[in-house]
Amino acid sequence: MPTTFSSSTDRTSLTKRLDKMLPNPQCELRHHDAWSLLAATILSAQSTDKRVNRITPQLFNRWPTVESMAAAEPEDVEPYIRASGTYLQ
């Protein structure tokens, strides 16, 4: 059963412990904004961070915004993400 935190004191205590254990956490996925981090995180669910970091520069050069990606045809995006394992087979 997952741990639950019943009070803000419990959450604060956990946060302090995590800050002590990991004072400068680093995300392995390269990103430049919330959109690119979200997309890279989704791709990394089926791949390694290293592979995603090889894929995303070309992907975000082609579709740099949420709006541009949303307007893209899936068959145009698939070649860019094929190496991550996240595409129709």
Protein backbone atom coordinates (compact mmCIF):
# COMPACT_ATOMS: atom_id res chain seq x y z
CA MET A 1 0.00 0.00 0.00
CA PRO A 2 1.38 3.45 -0.90
CA THR A 3 2.47 5.82 1.81
CA THR A 4 0.09 8.68 2.46
CA PHE A 5 0.89 11.97 4.10
CA SER A 6 -1.84 13.12 6.40
CA SER A 7 -0.56 16.57 7.19
CA SER A 8 1.46 19.39 5.77
CA THR A 9 4.00 18.68 8.52
CA ASP A 10 4.53 15.19 7.08
CA ARG A 11 4.99 16.64 3.58
CA THR A 12 7.38 19.31 4.85
CA SER A 13 9.41 16.70 6.70
CA LEU A 14 9.64 14.57 3.56
CA THR A 15 10.66 17.55 1.46
CA LYS A 16 13.42 18.45 3.90
CA ARG A 17 14.72 14.88 3.91
CA LEU A 18 14.72 14.74 0.11
CA ASP A 19 16.50 18.11 -0.08
CA LYS A 20 19.18 16.75 2.22
CA MET A 21 19.55 13.51 0.23
CA LEU A 22 19.44 15.19 -3.19
CA PRO A 23 20.52 18.80 -2.77
CA ASN A 24 20.86 19.51 -6.52
CA PRO A 25 18.69 17.07 -8.44
CA GLN A 26 19.30 17.02 -12.18
CA CYS A 27 16.96 15.87 -14.89
CA GLU A 28 18.73 13.65 -17.41
CA LEU A 29 16.34 14.62 -20.19
CA ARG A 30 17.49 17.66 -22.14
CA HIS A 31 14.73 20.24 -22.40
CA HIS A 32 14.27 23.97 -22.74
CA ASP A 33 10.73 24.48 -21.44
CA ALA A 34 7.80 22.63 -19.88
CA TRP A 35 6.53 21.45 -23.30
CA SER A 36 9.83 19.86 -24.30
CA LEU A 37 10.20 18.23 -20.87
CA LEU A 38 6.68 16.78 -21.07
CA ALA A 39 7.24 15.41 -24.57
CA ALA A 40 10.66 13.97 -23.65
CA THR A 41 9.19 12.37 -20.53
CA ILE A 42 6.46 10.68 -22.57
CA LEU A 43 9.03 9.39 -25.05
CA SER A 44 11.27 8.14 -22.24
CA ALA A 45 8.51 5.85 -20.98
CA GLN A 46 9.33 3.51 -23.87
CA SER A 47 13.03 4.23 -24.22
CA THR A 48 16.14 5.39 -22.43
CA ASP A 49 16.87 9.00 -21.58
CA LYS A 50 20.02 8.76 -23.68
CA ARG A 51 18.07 7.71 -26.76
CA VAL A 52 15.40 10.36 -26.16
CA ASN A 53 18.13 13.00 -25.92
CA ARG A 54 19.29 11.92 -29.40
CA ILE A 55 15.76 12.11 -30.83
CA THR A 56 14.39 15.33 -29.39
CA PRO A 57 16.71 17.94 -30.96
CA GLN A 58 15.45 17.12 -34.47
CA LEU A 59 11.88 16.68 -33.22
CA PHE A 60 11.80 20.10 -31.56
CA ASN A 61 13.60 21.79 -34.45
CA ARG A 62 10.79 20.58 -36.71
CA TRP A 63 7.93 21.20 -34.22
CA PRO A 64 9.11 23.68 -31.57
CA THR A 65 5.73 24.37 -29.95
CA VAL A 66 2.75 22.44 -28.68
CA GLU A 67 0.65 24.08 -31.39
CA SER A 68 2.98 23.07 -34.21
CA MET A 69 3.15 19.48 -32.96
CA ALA A 70 -0.64 19.34 -32.59
CA ALA A 71 -1.05 20.51 -36.19
CA ALA A 72 1.37 17.88 -37.52
CA GLU A 73 0.16 14.77 -39.26
CA PRO A 74 1.01 11.64 -37.23
CA GLU A 75 2.76 10.06 -40.20
CA ASP A 76 5.06 13.08 -40.36
CA VAL A 77 6.00 12.76 -36.67
CA GLU A 78 6.48 8.98 -36.60
CA PRO A 79 9.89 8.92 -38.33
CA TYR A 80 11.23 11.33 -35.72
CA ILE A 81 10.14 9.21 -32.77
CA ARG A 82 10.47 5.72 -34.26
CA ALA A 83 13.77 5.05 -32.42
CA SER A 84 12.04 5.61 -29.06
CA GLY A 85 9.60 2.74 -29.65
CA THR A 86 6.68 5.17 -29.30
CA TYR A 87 4.91 4.90 -32.63
CA LEU A 88 2.33 2.80 -34.43
CA GLN A 89 3.68 -0.50 -35.60
